[in-house]
C-alpha atoms as a PDB file:
ATOM      1  CA  MET A   1     107.502  82.441 116.586  1.00  0.00           C
ATOM      2  CA  ASP A   2     107.485  82.004 112.636  1.00  0.00           C
ATOM      3  CA  THR A   3     108.010  85.370 111.099  1.00  0.00           C
ATOM      4  CA  ASP A   4     109.470  84.475 107.821  1.00  0.00           C
ATOM      5  CA  PRO A   5     107.922  86.770 105.021  1.00  0.00           C
ATOM      6  CA  ILE A   6     105.278  85.162 102.545  1.00  0.00           C
ATOM      7  CA  VAL A   7     105.117  85.838  99.197  1.00  0.00           C
ATOM      8  CA  VAL A   8     102.082  85.397  96.804  1.00  0.00           C
ATOM      9  CA  VAL A   9     102.964  84.340  93.195  1.00  0.00           C
ATOM     10  CA  ILE A  10     100.480  84.600  90.833  1.00  0.00           C
ATOM     11  CA  ASP A  11     101.279  83.264  87.100  1.00  0.00           C
ATOM     12  CA  ASP A  12      99.148  80.879  85.006  1.00  0.00           C
ATOM     13  CA  HIS A  13     101.948  78.811  83.376  1.00  0.00           C
ATOM     14  CA  GLU A  14     102.762  76.368  86.101  1.00  0.00           C
ATOM     15  CA  ALA A  15     106.397  75.785  84.896  1.00  0.00           C
ATOM     16  CA  ALA A  16     106.988  79.520  85.973  1.00  0.00           C
ATOM     17  CA  ARG A  17     105.468  79.312  89.333  1.00  0.00           C
ATOM     18  CA  HIS A  18     107.083  76.373  89.805  1.00  0.00           C
ATOM     19  CA  SER A  19     110.849  77.733  89.149  1.00  0.00           C
ATOM     20  CA  LEU A  20     109.509  81.285  91.198  1.00  0.00           C
ATOM     21  CA  ARG A  21     108.652  79.048  94.286  1.00  0.00           C
ATOM     22  CA  VAL A  22     111.791  77.097  94.157  1.00  0.00           C
ATOM     23  CA  LEU A  23     114.096  80.123  93.997  1.00  0.00           C
ATOM     24  CA  LEU A  24     112.065  82.197  97.013  1.00  0.00           C
ATOM     25  CA  GLU A  25     111.831  78.640  99.143  1.00  0.00           C
ATOM     26  CA  SER A  26     115.351  78.077  98.489  1.00  0.00           C
ATOM     27  CA  ALA A  27     115.893  81.927  99.710  1.00  0.00           C
ATOM     28  CA  GLY A  28     114.017  81.706 102.948  1.00  0.00           C
ATOM     29  CA  PHE A  29     110.743  82.861 101.972  1.00  0.00           C
ATOM     30  CA  HIS A  30     107.379  80.375 102.504  1.00  0.00           C
ATOM     31  CA  VAL A  31     105.316  80.721  98.898  1.00  0.00           C
ATOM     32  CA  ALA A  32     101.807  80.816  98.828  1.00  0.00           C
ATOM     33  CA  ASP A  33     101.032  80.391  94.654  1.00  0.00           C
ATOM     34  CA  TYR A  34      98.133  80.757  92.422  1.00  0.00           C
ATOM     35  CA  PRO A  35      97.230  80.092  88.596  1.00  0.00           C
ATOM     36  CA  SER A  36      95.070  83.610  88.092  1.00  0.00           C
ATOM     37  CA  ALA A  37      94.705  86.815  90.209  1.00  0.00           C
ATOM     38  CA  ILE A  38      91.127  86.095  90.906  1.00  0.00           C
ATOM     39  CA  SER A  39      91.885  82.953  92.729  1.00  0.00           C
ATOM     40  CA  TYR A  40      94.473  85.002  94.865  1.00  0.00           C
ATOM     41  CA  LEU A  41      91.737  87.537  95.356  1.00  0.00           C
ATOM     42  CA  GLU A  42      89.454  84.920  96.664  1.00  0.00           C
ATOM     43  CA  SER A  43      91.882  83.098  98.898  1.00  0.00           C
ATOM     44  CA  GLY A  44      91.915  86.177 101.576  1.00  0.00           C
ATOM     45  CA  ILE A  45      95.457  85.598 102.031  1.00  0.00           C
ATOM     46  CA  ASP A  46      97.442  88.589 101.781  1.00  0.00           C
ATOM     47  CA  GLY A  47     100.807  87.746 102.016  1.00  0.00           C
ATOM     48  CA  ASP A  48     103.574  90.134 102.475  1.00  0.00           C
ATOM     49  CA  CYS A  49     104.590  91.101  98.916  1.00  0.00           C
ATOM     50  CA  ILE A  50     102.588  89.819  95.561  1.00  0.00           C
ATOM     51  CA  VAL A  51     105.034  88.277  92.655  1.00  0.00           C
ATOM     52  CA  ALA A  52     102.957  88.563  89.727  1.00  0.00           C
ATOM     53  CA  ASP A  53     102.929  88.071  86.032  1.00  0.00           C
ATOM     54  CA  MET A  54     101.384  90.749  83.636  1.00  0.00           C
ATOM     55  CA  ARG A  55      99.743  89.186  81.109  1.00  0.00           C
ATOM     56  CA  MET A  56      97.191  86.556  82.591  1.00  0.00           C
ATOM     57  CA  PRO A  57      93.708  85.823  81.302  1.00  0.00           C
ATOM     58  CA  TYR A  58      90.836  87.076  83.417  1.00  0.00           C
ATOM     59  CA  MET A  59      92.229  89.511  85.229  1.00  0.00           C
ATOM     60  CA  SER A  60      95.800  91.233  83.967  1.00  0.00           C
ATOM     61  CA  GLY A  61      98.802  92.643  86.221  1.00  0.00           C
ATOM     62  CA  LEU A  62      97.883  96.186  85.751  1.00  0.00           C
ATOM     63  CA  GLU A  63      94.239  94.797  86.642  1.00  0.00           C
ATOM     64  CA  LEU A  64      94.980  93.259  89.858  1.00  0.00           C
ATOM     65  CA  GLN A  65      97.418  96.133  91.221  1.00  0.00           C
ATOM     66  CA  ARG A  66      93.542  98.404  90.301  1.00  0.00           C
ATOM     67  CA  GLU A  67      92.022  95.966  92.530  1.00  0.00           C
ATOM     68  CA  LEU A  68      94.504  95.826  95.805  1.00  0.00           C
ATOM     69  CA  ALA A  69      94.265  99.639  95.877  1.00  0.00           C
ATOM     70  CA  LYS A  70      90.630  99.704  95.997  1.00  0.00           C
ATOM     71  CA  ARG A  71      91.232  97.337  98.647  1.00  0.00           C
ATOM     72  CA  ARG A  72      93.549  98.869 100.450  1.00  0.00           C
ATOM     73  CA  THR A  73      96.283  96.002 100.427  1.00  0.00           C
ATOM     74  CA  HIS A  74      99.445  96.870 101.757  1.00  0.00           C
ATOM     75  CA  ALA A  75     101.259  94.124 100.083  1.00  0.00           C
ATOM     76  CA  PRO A  76     103.687  95.055  97.630  1.00  0.00           C
ATOM     77  CA  LEU A  77     102.950  94.229  94.122  1.00  0.00           C
ATOM     78  CA  ILE A  78     106.173  93.121  91.652  1.00  0.00           C
ATOM     79  CA  LEU A  79     105.409  92.812  88.350  1.00  0.00           C
ATOM     80  CA  ILE A  80     106.960  90.452  85.879  1.00  0.00           C
ATOM     81  CA  THR A  81     106.430  91.687  82.113  1.00  0.00           C
ATOM     82  CA  GLY A  82     107.826  90.598  78.615  1.00  0.00           C
ATOM     83  CA  HIS A  83     109.250  93.316  76.674  1.00  0.00           C
ATOM     84  CA  ALA A  84     106.228  94.523  75.016  1.00  0.00           C
ATOM     85  CA  GLU A  85     104.162  95.033  78.204  1.00  0.00           C
ATOM     86  CA  VAL A  86     106.534  97.917  79.910  1.00  0.00           C
ATOM     87  CA  ALA A  87     104.471 100.357  78.859  1.00  0.00           C
ATOM     88  CA  LEU A  88     101.918  98.986  80.848  1.00  0.00           C
ATOM     89  CA  ALA A  89     104.278  97.704  83.749  1.00  0.00           C
ATOM     90  CA  VAL A  90     105.080 101.847  84.007  1.00  0.00           C
ATOM     91  CA  SER A  91     101.536 102.602  84.373  1.00  0.00           C
ATOM     92  CA  ALA A  92     100.985 100.050  87.257  1.00  0.00           C
ATOM     93  CA  MET A  93     104.238 101.553  89.061  1.00  0.00           C
ATOM     94  CA  ARG A  94     102.424 105.091  88.607  1.00  0.00           C
ATOM     95  CA  ALA A  95      99.467 103.158  90.123  1.00  0.00           C
ATOM     96  CA  GLY A  96     101.036 102.112  93.223  1.00  0.00           C
ATOM     97  CA  ALA A  97     102.932  99.249  92.353  1.00  0.00           C
ATOM     98  CA  PHE A  98     106.419  98.500  93.851  1.00  0.00           C
ATOM     99  CA  ASP A  99     108.698  97.495  90.829  1.00  0.00           C
ATOM    100  CA  PHE A 100     108.771  95.323  87.525  1.00  0.00           C
ATOM    101  CA  LEU A 101     111.162  92.930  86.343  1.00  0.00           C
ATOM    102  CA  GLU A 102     111.483  92.370  82.125  1.00  0.00           C
ATOM    103  CA  LYS A 103     111.441  88.337  81.284  1.00  0.00           C
ATOM    104  CA  PRO A 104     113.738  86.399  81.733  1.00  0.00           C
ATOM    105  CA  ILE A 105     113.939  86.903  85.155  1.00  0.00           C
ATOM    106  CA  ASP A 106     117.472  87.549  86.569  1.00  0.00           C
ATOM    107  CA  ASP A 107     117.317  86.064  90.280  1.00  0.00           C
ATOM    108  CA  GLU A 108     119.558  88.517  91.954  1.00  0.00           C
ATOM    109  CA  ARG A 109     117.273  91.093  90.757  1.00  0.00           C
ATOM    110  CA  LEU A 110     114.075  89.527  91.968  1.00  0.00           C
ATOM    111  CA  LEU A 111     115.332  88.948  95.339  1.00  0.00           C
ATOM    112  CA  GLU A 112     116.958  92.350  95.377  1.00  0.00           C
ATOM    113  CA  SER A 113     113.754  94.025  94.772  1.00  0.00           C
ATOM    114  CA  LEU A 114     111.721  91.575  96.521  1.00  0.00           C
ATOM    115  CA  GLY A 115     114.220  92.155  99.887  1.00  0.00           C
ATOM    116  CA  ASN A 116     113.731  95.920  99.365  1.00  0.00           C
ATOM    117  CA  ALA A 117     109.659  95.377  98.511  1.00  0.00           C
ATOM    118  CA  LEU A 118     109.237  93.736 102.338  1.00  0.00           C
ATOM    119  CA  LYS A 119     110.634  96.557 104.003  1.00  0.00           C
ATOM    120  CA  GLU A 120     108.707  99.294 102.313  1.00  0.00           C
ATOM    121  CA  GLY A 121     106.010  97.235 102.611  1.00  0.00           C
ATOM    122  CA  GLY A 122     106.696  96.379 106.219  1.00  0.00           C
ATOM    123  CA  LYS A 123     106.906 100.396 106.560  1.00  0.00           C
ATOM    124  CA  THR A 124     103.457 100.959 104.829  1.00  0.00           C
ATOM    125  CA  ARG A 125     101.258  98.180 107.115  1.00  0.00           C
ATOM    126  CA  GLN A 126     103.085  99.567 110.510  1.00  0.00           C
ATOM    127  CA  THR A 127     101.788 103.585 109.160  1.00  0.00           C
ATOM    128  CA  ALA A 128      98.035 102.232 108.031  1.00  0.00           C
ATOM    129  CA  HIS A 129      97.697 100.181 111.446  1.00  0.00           C
ATOM    130  CA  GLU A 130      98.798 103.536 113.465  1.00  0.00           C
ATOM    131  CA  CYS A 131      96.475 105.111 111.096  1.00  0.00           C
ATOM    132  CA  LYS A 132      93.618 102.928 111.351  1.00  0.00           C
ATOM    133  CA  LEU A 133      93.740 102.935 115.523  1.00  0.00           C
ATOM    134  CA  ALA A 134      93.565 106.402 115.728  1.00  0.00           C
ATOM    135  CA  THR A 135      90.841 106.905 113.671  1.00  0.00           C
ATOM    136  CA  GLU A 136      89.647 104.080 115.939  1.00  0.00           C
ATOM    137  CA  LEU A 137      90.269 106.120 119.031  1.00  0.00           C
ATOM    138  CA  LEU A 138      88.960 109.519 117.867  1.00  0.00           C
ATOM    139  CA  SER A 139      85.505 107.937 116.815  1.00  0.00           C
ATOM    140  CA  ALA A 140      85.063 107.773 120.224  1.00  0.00           C
ATOM    141  CA  LEU A 141      85.237 111.531 121.204  1.00  0.00           C
ATOM    142  CA  THR A 142      82.057 113.531 121.686  1.00  0.00           C
ATOM    143  CA  ALA A 143      81.867 116.483 119.254  1.00  0.00           C
ATOM    144  CA  ARG A 144      82.851 118.984 121.973  1.00  0.00           C
ATOM    145  CA  GLU A 145      85.580 117.185 122.259  1.00  0.00           C
ATOM    146  CA  ARG A 146      86.701 117.046 118.739  1.00  0.00           C
ATOM    147  CA  GLU A 147      86.335 120.763 118.581  1.00  0.00           C
ATOM    148  CA  VAL A 148      89.033 120.900 121.177  1.00  0.00           C
ATOM    149  CA  LEU A 149      90.968 118.415 119.542  1.00  0.00           C
ATOM    150  CA  ASP A 150      91.068 120.446 116.244  1.00  0.00           C
ATOM    151  CA  ARG A 151      92.173 124.083 118.083  1.00  0.00           C
ATOM    152  CA  LEU A 152      94.609 122.605 120.253  1.00  0.00           C
ATOM    153  CA  VAL A 153      96.390 120.369 117.681  1.00  0.00           C
ATOM    154  CA  LEU A 154      96.683 124.137 115.399  1.00  0.00           C
ATOM    155  CA  GLY A 155      98.753 125.415 118.447  1.00  0.00           C
ATOM    156  CA  MET A 156      96.215 127.317 120.169  1.00  0.00           C
ATOM    157  CA  SER A 157      96.114 128.221 123.708  1.00  0.00           C
ATOM    158  CA  ASN A 158      93.667 127.176 126.036  1.00  0.00           C
ATOM    159  CA  LYS A 159      92.369 130.600 126.228  1.00  0.00           C
ATOM    160  CA  LEU A 160      92.159 131.124 122.546  1.00  0.00           C
ATOM    161  CA  VAL A 161      90.313 127.719 122.052  1.00  0.00           C
ATOM    162  CA  ALA A 162      87.983 128.708 125.198  1.00  0.00           C
ATOM    163  CA  HIS A 163      87.220 132.334 123.425  1.00  0.00           C
ATOM    164  CA  GLU A 164      86.630 130.544 120.113  1.00  0.00           C
ATOM    165  CA  LEU A 165      84.166 127.943 121.211  1.00  0.00           C
ATOM    166  CA  GLY A 166      82.068 130.395 123.721  1.00  0.00           C
ATOM    167  CA  ILE A 167      83.285 128.146 127.081  1.00  0.00           C
ATOM    168  CA  SER A 168      85.914 129.135 130.222  1.00  0.00           C
ATOM    169  CA  PRO A 169      89.509 127.805 129.637  1.00  0.00           C
ATOM    170  CA  ARG A 170      88.709 125.680 133.128  1.00  0.00           C
ATOM    171  CA  THR A 171      86.443 123.912 130.775  1.00  0.00           C
ATOM    172  CA  VAL A 172      89.078 123.463 127.811  1.00  0.00           C
ATOM    173  CA  GLU A 173      91.292 122.281 130.501  1.00  0.00           C
ATOM    174  CA  THR A 174      88.813 119.783 131.784  1.00  0.00           C
ATOM    175  CA  HIS A 175      87.985 118.452 128.000  1.00  0.00           C
ATOM    176  CA  ARG A 176      92.068 118.305 127.387  1.00  0.00           C
ATOM    177  CA  ALA A 177      92.502 116.093 130.371  1.00  0.00           C
ATOM    178  CA  ARG A 178      89.573 113.899 128.976  1.00  0.00           C
ATOM    179  CA  LEU A 179      91.048 113.954 125.745  1.00  0.00           C
ATOM    180  CA  GLN A 180      94.429 112.677 126.940  1.00  0.00           C
ATOM    181  CA  SER A 181      92.612 109.991 128.710  1.00  0.00           C
ATOM    182  CA  LYS A 182      90.491 108.307 126.107  1.00  0.00           C
ATOM    183  CA  LEU A 183      92.937 108.869 123.834  1.00  0.00           C
ATOM    184  CA  LYS A 184      96.182 107.182 126.093  1.00  0.00           C
ATOM    185  CA  ALA A 185      98.175 110.542 125.275  1.00  0.00           C
ATOM    186  CA  ARG A 186     100.879 111.797 127.592  1.00  0.00           C
ATOM    187  CA  ASP A 187     101.021 115.058 126.108  1.00  0.00           C
ATOM    188  CA  LEU A 188     100.192 117.666 123.421  1.00  0.00           C
ATOM    189  CA  SER A 189     102.688 116.134 121.180  1.00  0.00           C
ATOM    190  CA  ASN A 190     100.877 112.585 121.131  1.00  0.00           C
ATOM    191  CA  LEU A 191      97.380 114.084 120.287  1.00  0.00           C
ATOM    192  CA  VAL A 192      98.946 115.955 117.410  1.00  0.00           C
ATOM    193  CA  ARG A 193     100.360 112.588 116.004  1.00  0.00           C
ATOM    194  CA  LEU A 194      97.336 111.019 116.669  1.00  0.00           C
ATOM    195  CA  SER A 195      95.235 113.698 114.653  1.00  0.00           C
ATOM    196  CA  ILE A 196      97.521 113.360 112.033  1.00  0.00           C
ATOM    197  CA  ALA A 197      97.479 109.493 111.600  1.00  0.00           C
ATOM    198  CA  ALA A 198      93.675 109.519 111.336  1.00  0.00           C
ATOM    199  CA  ASN A 199      93.526 112.126 108.770  1.00  0.00           C
ATOM    200  CA  GLN A 200      95.968 110.391 106.873  1.00  0.00           C
ATOM    201  CA  MET A 201      93.187 107.622 106.332  1.00  0.00           C
ATOM    202  CA  HIS A 202      90.874 110.376 104.642  1.00  0.00           C
END
């Protein structure tokens, strides 16, 4: 199976796009390149990492970062900046961009940054997938099952949950067994992990 990462390159200068493509393909990456942030966003391709010029017509690198955050895109963004744009690049990093590199680009530094971004992006993507899965599983619970779960993950005993909800401990046990079955959780620690993952989506 082909698992080489896809790097998205966005730059309105064709020569800059071409030289980045040659460098990245020689390093073993697949490259998808676009002349503008808008054409990239319209393509529907996520990619595993995005390398974008900071100063582009129609949508700048900073505006692209805001749009990616809005869309919850998990591909890390590396910005290429001129000296005068460093303050903007720092703002983009505060907003979630992974890194920025000043022109002229040092090839080694870019490849190092890309390697780090792909590692980090893989973790983020996995976490996002787990959160989404947990949210979907929890949405299948009844209101009562959710009440029981919320209390169990706080560390309450079956007896205390029963007292709080005005039901018998036996009924709590029944709900707990049903919860574990519905959520495919072997034990309480799995229930806690699922609950935490689902809460990270909000």
